Amino acid sequence: MNILANDGISPSGLAALKEAGHTVYTDFIEAADLESFINSNSIDGILVRSATKVRKELMDGCPTLKFVGRGGVGMDNIDVEYGIQKGLAVFNTPSASSQSVAELVMGHLFSLSRSLHHSNRAMPSEGADSFKVLKKKYSKGSELRGKTLGIIGFGRIGRSLASYALGCGMKVIAHDRFAENGEVEVNVGDVSISVDCPILPMQEVLEQSDAVSLHIPAQEDGKPVIGASELATMKKGSILLNAARGGVVDEDALMSALDSGQISGAALDVFVGEPAPRGDVLSHPAISLTPHTGAATAEAQDRIGLELASQIAELIK
């Protein structure tokens, strides 16, 4: 098969595809040239991450396409249902990046609880002259142990995050319309402990949590899941973390909630308008920021590449 990995693929995944006899193109093709490239090279399948969009127009214009694979979880950059209706195989790698995303969220949570995101900005310019001032300014941190983490979306990533938070001594509550249970496996050395986290209505999770982390897809109608009403429901001074999709949070409402002190901080790995986020969001002192790097670890990328290769092998069978 001829395969275009338009957003790249890990060396291990590339090697697996080549060993299976596939021809793999890895140079990034701009959206305007994508249809022409696919048709000129008789591409059988396209592999993408979050940068490349595969909409119905591209599917209609490329009769050689047999499959679309998404290296990652969210598939809002692919017209999934339309592709399936056309007879394309459309798949993703839902479990490969769970641990990496969970660890990034925990990093943000530690950062916000001790103002690391802010002091790292201030120290280079003010540390030499105002060391004592900064020390006093950042002396009001808080520990995570004993705090309540609310997780909205209790799938693979949500449960991976829960295992880390439980290991830190946090209480975990969750909301998920489709979850049958709240069981989470926590590994302590070679011992695995099962913990049952309460599954609650979203309003109760928002009201009770010291920090709320989002792990849900964007809504089909494009409306945010967390807006002004939901932010007002959150415990005053709590923290919001979003490593799901930018459109899940109303950024205007978020900025207002931060400015008013309704919530004390936010962590964003995803943004409305990617890859050109709003400047006022990026410069807000109460927001800890990363550029959509939740799955950007060597381990996760290896798992993603190998899982994509495995799914293609299954398709051929």
C-alpha atoms as a PDB file:
ATOM      1  CA  MET A   1       0.000   0.000   0.000  1.00  0.00           C
ATOM      2  CA  ASN A   2       0.984   3.636  -0.503  1.00  0.00           C
ATOM      3  CA  ILE A   3       0.566   5.520   2.756  1.00  0.00           C
ATOM      4  CA  LEU A   4       0.906   9.232   3.490  1.00  0.00           C
ATOM      5  CA  ALA A   5       1.855  10.000   7.103  1.00  0.00           C
ATOM      6  CA  ASN A   6       1.183  13.682   6.670  1.00  0.00           C
ATOM      7  CA  ASP A   7       1.807  14.786  10.255  1.00  0.00           C
ATOM      8  CA  GLY A   8       4.760  12.459  10.722  1.00  0.00           C
ATOM      9  CA  ILE A   9       5.102   9.065  12.377  1.00  0.00           C
ATOM     10  CA  SER A  10       7.525   7.625  14.917  1.00  0.00           C
ATOM     11  CA  PRO A  11      10.612   5.767  13.648  1.00  0.00           C
ATOM     12  CA  SER A  12       9.269   2.525  15.136  1.00  0.00           C
ATOM     13  CA  GLY A  13       5.929   2.942  13.383  1.00  0.00           C
ATOM     14  CA  LEU A  14       7.618   3.856  10.116  1.00  0.00           C
ATOM     15  CA  ALA A  15       9.888   0.817  10.360  1.00  0.00           C
ATOM     16  CA  ALA A  16       6.923  -1.477  11.032  1.00  0.00           C
ATOM     17  CA  LEU A  17       5.057  -0.163   7.988  1.00  0.00           C
ATOM     18  CA  LYS A  18       8.081  -0.500   5.731  1.00  0.00           C
ATOM     19  CA  GLU A  19       8.816  -4.010   6.995  1.00  0.00           C
ATOM     20  CA  ALA A  20       5.256  -4.916   6.015  1.00  0.00           C
ATOM     21  CA  GLY A  21       6.040  -3.819   2.469  1.00  0.00           C
ATOM     22  CA  HIS A  22       4.261  -0.470   2.415  1.00  0.00           C
ATOM     23  CA  THR A  23       5.556   2.676   0.721  1.00  0.00           C
ATOM     24  CA  VAL A  24       5.326   5.519   3.232  1.00  0.00           C
ATOM     25  CA  TYR A  25       5.528   9.236   2.432  1.00  0.00           C
ATOM     26  CA  THR A  26       6.358  11.415   5.426  1.00  0.00           C
ATOM     27  CA  ASP A  27       6.849  14.907   3.948  1.00  0.00           C
ATOM     28  CA  PHE A  28       4.135  17.325   5.085  1.00  0.00           C
ATOM     29  CA  ILE A  29       1.775  18.269   2.270  1.00  0.00           C
ATOM     30  CA  GLU A  30      -0.101  21.555   2.590  1.00  0.00           C
ATOM     31  CA  ALA A  31      -3.903  21.377   2.548  1.00  0.00           C
ATOM     32  CA  ALA A  32      -4.158  23.054  -0.846  1.00  0.00           C
ATOM     33  CA  ASP A  33      -1.930  20.390  -2.420  1.00  0.00           C
ATOM     34  CA  LEU A  34      -3.198  17.357  -0.530  1.00  0.00           C
ATOM     35  CA  GLU A  35      -5.797  16.117  -3.033  1.00  0.00           C
ATOM     36  CA  SER A  36      -3.369  16.402  -5.939  1.00  0.00           C
ATOM     37  CA  PHE A  37      -0.618  14.571  -4.058  1.00  0.00           C
ATOM     38  CA  ILE A  38      -2.913  11.728  -2.989  1.00  0.00           C
ATOM     39  CA  ASN A  39      -4.215  11.206  -6.510  1.00  0.00           C
ATOM     40  CA  SER A  40      -0.826  11.573  -8.210  1.00  0.00           C
ATOM     41  CA  ASN A  41       0.732   8.963  -5.931  1.00  0.00           C
ATOM     42  CA  SER A  42      -2.280   6.612  -5.709  1.00  0.00           C
ATOM     43  CA  ILE A  43      -2.328   6.945  -1.910  1.00  0.00           C
ATOM     44  CA  ASP A  44      -4.314   4.146  -0.245  1.00  0.00           C
ATOM     45  CA  GLY A  45      -4.368   5.612   3.217  1.00  0.00           C
ATOM     46  CA  ILE A  46      -3.563   8.819   5.067  1.00  0.00           C
ATOM     47  CA  LEU A  47      -2.298   9.010   8.641  1.00  0.00           C
ATOM     48  CA  VAL A  48      -2.727  12.295  10.512  1.00  0.00           C
ATOM     49  CA  ARG A  49      -2.439  13.765  13.956  1.00  0.00           C
ATOM     50  CA  SER A  50      -4.142  17.086  14.777  1.00  0.00           C
ATOM     51  CA  ALA A  51      -2.683  19.380  12.107  1.00  0.00           C
ATOM     52  CA  THR A  52      -4.124  17.819   8.947  1.00  0.00           C
ATOM     53  CA  LYS A  53      -7.879  17.935   8.320  1.00  0.00           C
ATOM     54  CA  VAL A  54      -9.556  15.173   6.324  1.00  0.00           C
ATOM     55  CA  ARG A  55     -12.960  16.499   5.326  1.00  0.00           C
ATOM     56  CA  LYS A  56     -15.581  15.041   2.999  1.00  0.00           C
ATOM     57  CA  GLU A  57     -14.366  17.162   0.077  1.00  0.00           C
ATOM     58  CA  LEU A  58     -10.947  15.518   0.290  1.00  0.00           C
ATOM     59  CA  MET A  59     -12.514  12.081   0.606  1.00  0.00           C
ATOM     60  CA  ASP A  60     -14.704  12.706  -2.429  1.00  0.00           C
ATOM     61  CA  GLY A  61     -11.774  14.004  -4.456  1.00  0.00           C
ATOM     62  CA  CYS A  62      -9.480  11.041  -3.700  1.00  0.00           C
ATOM     63  CA  PRO A  63     -11.014   7.802  -5.012  1.00  0.00           C
ATOM     64  CA  THR A  64      -7.903   5.738  -4.155  1.00  0.00           C
ATOM     65  CA  LEU A  65      -8.276   6.339  -0.411  1.00  0.00           C
ATOM     66  CA  LYS A  66      -9.184   3.245   1.594  1.00  0.00           C
ATOM     67  CA  PHE A  67      -8.485   4.406   5.144  1.00  0.00           C
ATOM     68  CA  VAL A  68      -7.835   7.390   7.377  1.00  0.00           C
ATOM     69  CA  GLY A  69      -5.887   6.859  10.610  1.00  0.00           C
ATOM     70  CA  ARG A  70      -5.590   9.363  13.444  1.00  0.00           C
ATOM     71  CA  GLY A  71      -2.517   9.110  15.638  1.00  0.00           C
ATOM     72  CA  GLY A  72      -4.147  10.169  18.891  1.00  0.00           C
ATOM     73  CA  VAL A  73      -7.591  10.293  20.452  1.00  0.00           C
ATOM     74  CA  GLY A  74      -9.722  13.206  19.231  1.00  0.00           C
ATOM     75  CA  MET A  75     -11.056  12.882  15.685  1.00  0.00           C
ATOM     76  CA  ASP A  76     -12.717  16.261  15.201  1.00  0.00           C
ATOM     77  CA  ASN A  77     -10.313  17.008  12.319  1.00  0.00           C
ATOM     78  CA  ILE A  78     -11.799  14.076  10.369  1.00  0.00           C
ATOM     79  CA  ASP A  79     -15.323  13.703   8.976  1.00  0.00           C
ATOM     80  CA  VAL A  80     -15.595  10.272  10.546  1.00  0.00           C
ATOM     81  CA  GLU A  81     -19.223   9.388   9.817  1.00  0.00           C
ATOM     82  CA  TYR A  82     -19.004  10.553   6.224  1.00  0.00           C
ATOM     83  CA  GLY A  83     -15.870   8.503   5.670  1.00  0.00           C
ATOM     84  CA  ILE A  84     -17.495   5.382   7.101  1.00  0.00           C
ATOM     85  CA  GLN A  85     -20.529   5.937   4.856  1.00  0.00           C
ATOM     86  CA  LYS A  86     -18.185   6.054   1.868  1.00  0.00           C
ATOM     87  CA  GLY A  87     -16.705   2.725   2.890  1.00  0.00           C
ATOM     88  CA  LEU A  88     -13.437   4.067   4.289  1.00  0.00           C
ATOM     89  CA  ALA A  89     -11.893   2.558   7.373  1.00  0.00           C
ATOM     90  CA  VAL A  90     -11.471   5.350   9.932  1.00  0.00           C
ATOM     91  CA  PHE A  91      -9.569   4.633  13.128  1.00  0.00           C
ATOM     92  CA  ASN A  92      -7.537   6.222  15.918  1.00  0.00           C
ATOM     93  CA  THR A  93      -5.192   5.162  18.735  1.00  0.00           C
ATOM     94  CA  PRO A  94      -7.227   5.856  21.880  1.00  0.00           C
ATOM     95  CA  SER A  95      -5.000   4.181  24.454  1.00  0.00           C
ATOM     96  CA  ALA A  96      -1.480   4.959  23.215  1.00  0.00           C
ATOM     97  CA  SER A  97      -1.153   8.468  24.648  1.00  0.00           C
ATOM     98  CA  SER A  98      -3.214   8.194  27.845  1.00  0.00           C
ATOM     99  CA  GLN A  99      -0.292   8.101  30.254  1.00  0.00           C
ATOM    100  CA  SER A 100       1.573  10.957  28.571  1.00  0.00           C
ATOM    101  CA  VAL A 101      -1.466  13.249  28.636  1.00  0.00           C
ATOM    102  CA  ALA A 102      -2.153  12.357  32.261  1.00  0.00           C
ATOM    103  CA  GLU A 103       1.428  13.178  33.253  1.00  0.00           C
ATOM    104  CA  LEU A 104       1.265  16.545  31.478  1.00  0.00           C
ATOM    105  CA  VAL A 105      -1.923  17.425  33.359  1.00  0.00           C
ATOM    106  CA  MET A 106      -0.294  16.475  36.653  1.00  0.00           C
ATOM    107  CA  GLY A 107       2.658  18.686  35.726  1.00  0.00           C
ATOM    108  CA  HIS A 108       0.306  21.611  35.191  1.00  0.00           C
ATOM    109  CA  LEU A 109      -1.472  20.850  38.455  1.00  0.00           C
ATOM    110  CA  PHE A 110       1.778  20.878  40.426  1.00  0.00           C
ATOM    111  CA  SER A 111       2.842  24.042  38.613  1.00  0.00           C
ATOM    112  CA  LEU A 112      -0.359  25.927  39.419  1.00  0.00           C
ATOM    113  CA  SER A 113      -0.451  24.786  43.047  1.00  0.00           C
ATOM    114  CA  ARG A 114       2.995  26.297  43.638  1.00  0.00           C
ATOM    115  CA  SER A 115       2.890  29.157  41.053  1.00  0.00           C
ATOM    116  CA  LEU A 116       5.779  27.612  39.106  1.00  0.00           C
ATOM    117  CA  HIS A 117       4.288  28.832  35.827  1.00  0.00           C
ATOM    118  CA  HIS A 118       4.376  32.418  37.075  1.00  0.00           C
ATOM    119  CA  SER A 119       7.644  32.407  39.008  1.00  0.00           C
ATOM    120  CA  ASN A 120       9.423  30.917  35.993  1.00  0.00           C
ATOM    121  CA  ARG A 121       8.325  33.964  34.026  1.00  0.00           C
ATOM    122  CA  ALA A 122       9.334  36.412  36.745  1.00  0.00           C
ATOM    123  CA  MET A 123      12.674  35.018  37.925  1.00  0.00           C
ATOM    124  CA  PRO A 124      14.736  35.709  34.762  1.00  0.00           C
ATOM    125  CA  SER A 125      13.790  39.394  34.721  1.00  0.00           C
ATOM    126  CA  GLU A 126      13.239  40.153  38.428  1.00  0.00           C
ATOM    127  CA  GLY A 127      15.047  37.452  40.416  1.00  0.00           C
ATOM    128  CA  ALA A 128      18.422  39.159  40.695  1.00  0.00           C
ATOM    129  CA  ASP A 129      17.018  42.468  41.997  1.00  0.00           C
ATOM    130  CA  SER A 130      13.812  41.382  43.741  1.00  0.00           C
ATOM    131  CA  PHE A 131      14.553  37.911  45.089  1.00  0.00           C
ATOM    132  CA  LYS A 132      13.007  38.510  48.526  1.00  0.00           C
ATOM    133  CA  VAL A 133       9.957  40.183  47.003  1.00  0.00           C
ATOM    134  CA  LEU A 134       9.340  37.195  44.739  1.00  0.00           C
ATOM    135  CA  LYS A 135       9.952  34.761  47.586  1.00  0.00           C
ATOM    136  CA  LYS A 136       7.226  36.452  49.607  1.00  0.00           C
ATOM    137  CA  LYS A 137       4.922  36.656  46.591  1.00  0.00           C
ATOM    138  CA  TYR A 138       5.115  32.924  45.926  1.00  0.00           C
ATOM    139  CA  SER A 139       5.053  31.755  49.542  1.00  0.00           C
ATOM    140  CA  LYS A 140       1.332  30.937  49.530  1.00  0.00           C
ATOM    141  CA  GLY A 141       1.359  27.670  47.624  1.00  0.00           C
ATOM    142  CA  SER A 142      -0.775  24.686  48.501  1.00  0.00           C
ATOM    143  CA  GLU A 143      -0.252  20.931  48.634  1.00  0.00           C
ATOM    144  CA  LEU A 144      -2.202  18.560  46.392  1.00  0.00           C
ATOM    145  CA  ARG A 145      -2.513  15.889  49.053  1.00  0.00           C
ATOM    146  CA  GLY A 146      -6.000  15.982  50.544  1.00  0.00           C
ATOM    147  CA  LYS A 147      -7.453  18.074  47.731  1.00  0.00           C
ATOM    148  CA  THR A 148     -10.273  16.894  45.456  1.00  0.00           C
ATOM    149  CA  LEU A 149      -9.678  16.460  41.731  1.00  0.00           C
ATOM    150  CA  GLY A 150     -12.771  16.354  39.551  1.00  0.00           C
ATOM    151  CA  ILE A 151     -12.360  14.632  36.199  1.00  0.00           C
ATOM    152  CA  ILE A 152     -14.933  15.267  33.479  1.00  0.00           C
ATOM    153  CA  GLY A 153     -14.622  12.467  30.950  1.00  0.00           C
ATOM    154  CA  PHE A 154     -13.594   9.231  32.658  1.00  0.00           C
ATOM    155  CA  GLY A 155     -12.203   7.241  29.766  1.00  0.00           C
ATOM    156  CA  ARG A 156      -8.647   5.998  29.342  1.00  0.00           C
ATOM    157  CA  ILE A 157      -6.998   9.385  29.860  1.00  0.00           C
ATOM    158  CA  GLY A 158      -9.267  10.366  32.728  1.00  0.00           C
ATOM    159  CA  ARG A 159      -8.574   7.119  34.563  1.00  0.00           C
ATOM    160  CA  SER A 160      -4.832   7.389  33.935  1.00  0.00           C
ATOM    161  CA  LEU A 161      -4.935  10.865  35.457  1.00  0.00           C
ATOM    162  CA  ALA A 162      -6.947   9.541  38.381  1.00  0.00           C
ATOM    163  CA  SER A 163      -4.294   6.911  39.141  1.00  0.00           C
ATOM    164  CA  TYR A 164      -1.611   9.618  39.405  1.00  0.00           C
ATOM    165  CA  ALA A 165      -3.795  11.902  41.518  1.00  0.00           C
ATOM    166  CA  LEU A 166      -4.758   9.073  43.877  1.00  0.00           C
ATOM    167  CA  GLY A 167      -1.071   8.225  44.235  1.00  0.00           C
ATOM    168  CA  CYS A 168      -0.475  11.806  45.353  1.00  0.00           C
ATOM    169  CA  GLY A 169      -3.090  11.467  48.077  1.00  0.00           C
ATOM    170  CA  MET A 170      -5.847  13.359  46.286  1.00  0.00           C
ATOM    171  CA  LYS A 171      -9.509  12.424  46.360  1.00  0.00           C
ATOM    172  CA  VAL A 172     -10.899  11.819  42.860  1.00  0.00           C
ATOM    173  CA  ILE A 173     -14.491  12.246  41.731  1.00  0.00           C
ATOM    174  CA  ALA A 174     -15.651  12.034  38.138  1.00  0.00           C
ATOM    175  CA  HIS A 175     -18.422  12.686  35.675  1.00  0.00           C
ATOM    176  CA  ASP A 176     -18.978  10.603  32.560  1.00  0.00           C
ATOM    177  CA  ARG A 177     -22.333   9.893  30.943  1.00  0.00           C
ATOM    178  CA  PHE A 178     -21.130   6.573  29.589  1.00  0.00           C
ATOM    179  CA  ALA A 179     -18.999   5.219  32.438  1.00  0.00           C
ATOM    180  CA  GLU A 180     -20.285   1.975  33.923  1.00  0.00           C
ATOM    181  CA  ASN A 181     -18.075   2.278  36.985  1.00  0.00           C
ATOM    182  CA  GLY A 182     -15.386   4.432  38.572  1.00  0.00           C
ATOM    183  CA  GLU A 183     -12.739   1.765  39.031  1.00  0.00           C
ATOM    184  CA  VAL A 184      -9.121   2.880  38.740  1.00  0.00           C
ATOM    185  CA  GLU A 185      -5.989   0.762  39.075  1.00  0.00           C
ATOM    186  CA  VAL A 186      -3.225   2.428  41.110  1.00  0.00           C
ATOM    187  CA  ASN A 187       0.210   0.846  40.872  1.00  0.00           C
ATOM    188  CA  VAL A 188       2.387   1.007  43.977  1.00  0.00           C
ATOM    189  CA  GLY A 189       5.647  -0.660  43.051  1.00  0.00           C
ATOM    190  CA  ASP A 190       4.713  -4.176  41.975  1.00  0.00           C
ATOM    191  CA  VAL A 191       1.354  -4.012  43.718  1.00  0.00           C
ATOM    192  CA  SER A 192      -1.843  -2.927  41.963  1.00  0.00           C
ATOM    193  CA  ILE A 193      -4.647  -1.447  44.052  1.00  0.00           C
ATOM    194  CA  SER A 194      -8.198  -0.957  42.765  1.00  0.00           C
ATOM    195  CA  VAL A 195      -9.926   2.258  43.850  1.00  0.00           C
ATOM    196  CA  ASP A 196     -13.571   3.043  43.147  1.00  0.00           C
ATOM    197  CA  CYS A 197     -13.964   6.746  42.327  1.00  0.00           C
ATOM    198  CA  PRO A 198     -17.484   8.182  42.677  1.00  0.00           C
ATOM    199  CA  ILE A 199     -19.263   8.953  39.387  1.00  0.00           C
ATOM    200  CA  LEU A 200     -21.382  12.062  39.978  1.00  0.00           C
ATOM    201  CA  PRO A 201     -23.472  14.571  38.009  1.00  0.00           C
ATOM    202  CA  MET A 202     -21.300  17.253  36.453  1.00  0.00           C
ATOM    203  CA  GLN A 203     -22.702  20.007  38.663  1.00  0.00           C
ATOM    204  CA  GLU A 204     -21.659  18.117  41.794  1.00  0.00           C
ATOM    205  CA  VAL A 205     -18.172  17.551  40.404  1.00  0.00           C
ATOM    206  CA  LEU A 206     -17.825  21.267  39.658  1.00  0.00           C
ATOM    207  CA  GLU A 207     -19.127  22.273  43.091  1.00  0.00           C
ATOM    208  CA  GLN A 208     -16.950  19.881  45.117  1.00  0.00           C
ATOM    209  CA  SER A 209     -13.602  19.941  43.309  1.00  0.00           C
ATOM    210  CA  ASP A 210     -10.502  21.965  44.112  1.00  0.00           C
ATOM    211  CA  ALA A 211      -9.341  21.301  40.550  1.00  0.00           C
ATOM    212  CA  VAL A 212     -11.307  20.158  37.500  1.00  0.00           C
ATOM    213  CA  SER A 213      -9.663  18.449  34.531  1.00  0.00           C
ATOM    214  CA  LEU A 214     -11.443  18.037  31.183  1.00  0.00           C
ATOM    215  CA  HIS A 215     -11.095  14.924  29.024  1.00  0.00           C
ATOM    216  CA  ILE A 216     -14.071  15.104  26.695  1.00  0.00           C
ATOM    217  CA  PRO A 217     -14.468  15.767  22.953  1.00  0.00           C
ATOM    218  CA  ALA A 218     -15.782  19.015  21.563  1.00  0.00           C
ATOM    219  CA  GLN A 219     -19.543  19.081  21.059  1.00  0.00           C
ATOM    220  CA  GLU A 220     -20.844  18.541  17.545  1.00  0.00           C
ATOM    221  CA  ASP A 221     -22.654  21.900  17.582  1.00  0.00           C
ATOM    222  CA  GLY A 222     -19.385  23.658  18.461  1.00  0.00           C
ATOM    223  CA  LYS A 223     -20.701  25.034  21.756  1.00  0.00           C
ATOM    224  CA  PRO A 224     -18.370  24.911  24.763  1.00  0.00           C
ATOM    225  CA  VAL A 225     -19.040  22.435  27.548  1.00  0.00           C
ATOM    226  CA  ILE A 226     -17.585  24.799  30.149  1.00  0.00           C
ATOM    227  CA  GLY A 227     -18.978  28.304  29.918  1.00  0.00           C
ATOM    228  CA  ALA A 228     -19.847  31.130  32.292  1.00  0.00           C
ATOM    229  CA  SER A 229     -22.512  29.135  34.132  1.00  0.00           C
ATOM    230  CA  GLU A 230     -20.247  26.148  34.741  1.00  0.00           C
ATOM    231  CA  LEU A 231     -17.346  28.345  35.853  1.00  0.00           C
ATOM    232  CA  ALA A 232     -19.658  30.129  38.291  1.00  0.00           C
ATOM    233  CA  THR A 233     -20.653  26.726  39.689  1.00  0.00           C
ATOM    234  CA  MET A 234     -17.047  25.775  40.424  1.00  0.00           C
ATOM    235  CA  LYS A 235     -15.667  26.149  43.932  1.00  0.00           C
ATOM    236  CA  LYS A 236     -14.281  29.675  44.386  1.00  0.00           C
ATOM    237  CA  GLY A 237     -10.522  29.726  43.974  1.00  0.00           C
ATOM    238  CA  SER A 238     -10.392  26.347  42.234  1.00  0.00           C
ATOM    239  CA  ILE A 239      -8.389  25.414  39.126  1.00  0.00           C
ATOM    240  CA  LEU A 240      -9.500  24.379  35.627  1.00  0.00           C
ATOM    241  CA  LEU A 241      -7.325  22.196  33.390  1.00  0.00           C
ATOM    242  CA  ASN A 242      -8.006  21.504  29.722  1.00  0.00           C
ATOM    243  CA  ALA A 243      -5.941  19.019  27.728  1.00  0.00           C
ATOM    244  CA  ALA A 244      -8.889  17.860  25.609  1.00  0.00           C
ATOM    245  CA  ARG A 245      -9.940  20.301  22.872  1.00  0.00           C
ATOM    246  CA  GLY A 246      -9.852  24.089  22.773  1.00  0.00           C
ATOM    247  CA  GLY A 247     -13.547  24.467  21.985  1.00  0.00           C
ATOM    248  CA  VAL A 248     -14.534  22.615  25.145  1.00  0.00           C
ATOM    249  CA  VAL A 249     -13.950  25.834  27.143  1.00  0.00           C
ATOM    250  CA  ASP A 250     -15.408  29.280  26.442  1.00  0.00           C
ATOM    251  CA  GLU A 251     -12.204  31.322  26.551  1.00  0.00           C
ATOM    252  CA  ASP A 252     -14.007  34.635  27.119  1.00  0.00           C
ATOM    253  CA  ALA A 253     -15.813  33.172  30.126  1.00  0.00           C
ATOM    254  CA  LEU A 254     -12.560  31.651  31.363  1.00  0.00           C
ATOM    255  CA  MET A 255     -10.751  34.991  31.247  1.00  0.00           C
ATOM    256  CA  SER A 256     -13.598  36.667  33.126  1.00  0.00           C
ATOM    257  CA  ALA A 257     -13.599  33.955  35.804  1.00  0.00           C
ATOM    258  CA  LEU A 258      -9.842  34.334  36.270  1.00  0.00           C
ATOM    259  CA  ASP A 259      -9.993  38.127  36.406  1.00  0.00           C
ATOM    260  CA  SER A 260     -12.805  38.074  38.968  1.00  0.00           C
ATOM    261  CA  GLY A 261     -11.053  35.500  41.147  1.00  0.00           C
ATOM    262  CA  GLN A 262     -13.864  32.972  40.772  1.00  0.00           C
ATOM    263  CA  ILE A 263     -11.168  30.497  39.802  1.00  0.00           C
ATOM    264  CA  SER A 264      -7.545  31.019  40.780  1.00  0.00           C
ATOM    265  CA  GLY A 265      -5.815  29.460  37.808  1.00  0.00           C
ATOM    266  CA  ALA A 266      -6.129  27.480  34.615  1.00  0.00           C
ATOM    267  CA  ALA A 267      -3.948  25.149  32.576  1.00  0.00           C
ATOM    268  CA  LEU A 268      -4.360  24.954  28.816  1.00  0.00           C
ATOM    269  CA  ASP A 269      -2.696  22.544  26.435  1.00  0.00           C
ATOM    270  CA  VAL A 270      -5.323  23.199  23.749  1.00  0.00           C
ATOM    271  CA  PHE A 271      -6.798  26.422  22.412  1.00  0.00           C
ATOM    272  CA  VAL A 272      -9.534  27.859  20.265  1.00  0.00           C
ATOM    273  CA  GLY A 273      -8.006  28.946  16.966  1.00  0.00           C
ATOM    274  CA  GLU A 274      -5.005  26.605  16.963  1.00  0.00           C
ATOM    275  CA  PRO A 275      -2.367  27.006  15.660  1.00  0.00           C
ATOM    276  CA  ALA A 276      -2.843  30.738  16.348  1.00  0.00           C
ATOM    277  CA  PRO A 277      -4.214  31.090  19.908  1.00  0.00           C
ATOM    278  CA  ARG A 278      -5.390  34.409  21.315  1.00  0.00           C
ATOM    279  CA  GLY A 279      -2.632  36.644  22.608  1.00  0.00           C
ATOM    280  CA  ASP A 280      -4.526  37.689  25.740  1.00  0.00           C
ATOM    281  CA  VAL A 281      -4.982  34.036  26.713  1.00  0.00           C
ATOM    282  CA  LEU A 282      -1.281  33.318  26.201  1.00  0.00           C
ATOM    283  CA  SER A 283      -0.201  36.311  28.275  1.00  0.00           C
ATOM    284  CA  HIS A 284      -2.592  35.879  31.214  1.00  0.00           C
ATOM    285  CA  PRO A 285      -0.530  35.455  34.403  1.00  0.00           C
ATOM    286  CA  ALA A 286      -2.895  32.894  35.930  1.00  0.00           C
ATOM    287  CA  ILE A 287      -2.727  30.425  33.039  1.00  0.00           C
ATOM    288  CA  SER A 288      -0.152  27.642  32.759  1.00  0.00           C
ATOM    289  CA  LEU A 289       0.501  26.958  29.073  1.00  0.00           C
ATOM    290  CA  THR A 290       1.763  24.214  26.771  1.00  0.00           C
ATOM    291  CA  PRO A 291       1.425  24.112  22.946  1.00  0.00           C
ATOM    292  CA  HIS A 292      -0.782  21.000  22.531  1.00  0.00           C
ATOM    293  CA  THR A 293       1.953  18.626  23.675  1.00  0.00           C
ATOM    294  CA  GLY A 294      -0.106  16.193  25.740  1.00  0.00           C
ATOM    295  CA  ALA A 295       0.955  13.180  23.680  1.00  0.00           C
ATOM    296  CA  ALA A 296       4.387  14.544  22.774  1.00  0.00           C
ATOM    297  CA  THR A 297       6.597  12.006  24.499  1.00  0.00           C
ATOM    298  CA  ALA A 298       8.903   9.509  22.833  1.00  0.00           C
ATOM    299  CA  GLU A 299       7.076   6.647  24.520  1.00  0.00           C
ATOM    300  CA  ALA A 300       3.612   7.771  23.409  1.00  0.00           C
ATOM    301  CA  GLN A 301       4.734   8.419  19.845  1.00  0.00           C
ATOM    302  CA  ASP A 302       6.273   4.958  19.660  1.00  0.00           C
ATOM    303  CA  ARG A 303       3.035   3.396  20.891  1.00  0.00           C
ATOM    304  CA  ILE A 304       0.982   5.484  18.463  1.00  0.00           C
ATOM    305  CA  GLY A 305       3.136   4.566  15.463  1.00  0.00           C
ATOM    306  CA  LEU A 306       3.116   0.864  16.299  1.00  0.00           C
ATOM    307  CA  GLU A 307      -0.629   0.855  16.970  1.00  0.00           C
ATOM    308  CA  LEU A 308      -1.292   2.528  13.613  1.00  0.00           C
ATOM    309  CA  ALA A 309       0.859  -0.077  11.872  1.00  0.00           C
ATOM    310  CA  SER A 310      -0.971  -2.851  13.724  1.00  0.00           C
ATOM    311  CA  GLN A 311      -4.396  -1.524  12.743  1.00  0.00           C
ATOM    312  CA  ILE A 312      -3.358  -1.264   9.094  1.00  0.00           C
ATOM    313  CA  ALA A 313      -2.166  -4.867   9.235  1.00  0.00           C
ATOM    314  CA  GLU A 314      -5.573  -5.898  10.596  1.00  0.00           C
ATOM    315  CA  LEU A 315      -7.322  -4.017   7.781  1.00  0.00           C
ATOM    316  CA  ILE A 316      -5.337  -5.917   5.185  1.00  0.00           C
ATOM    317  CA  LYS A 317      -6.294  -9.225   6.823  1.00  0.00           C
END
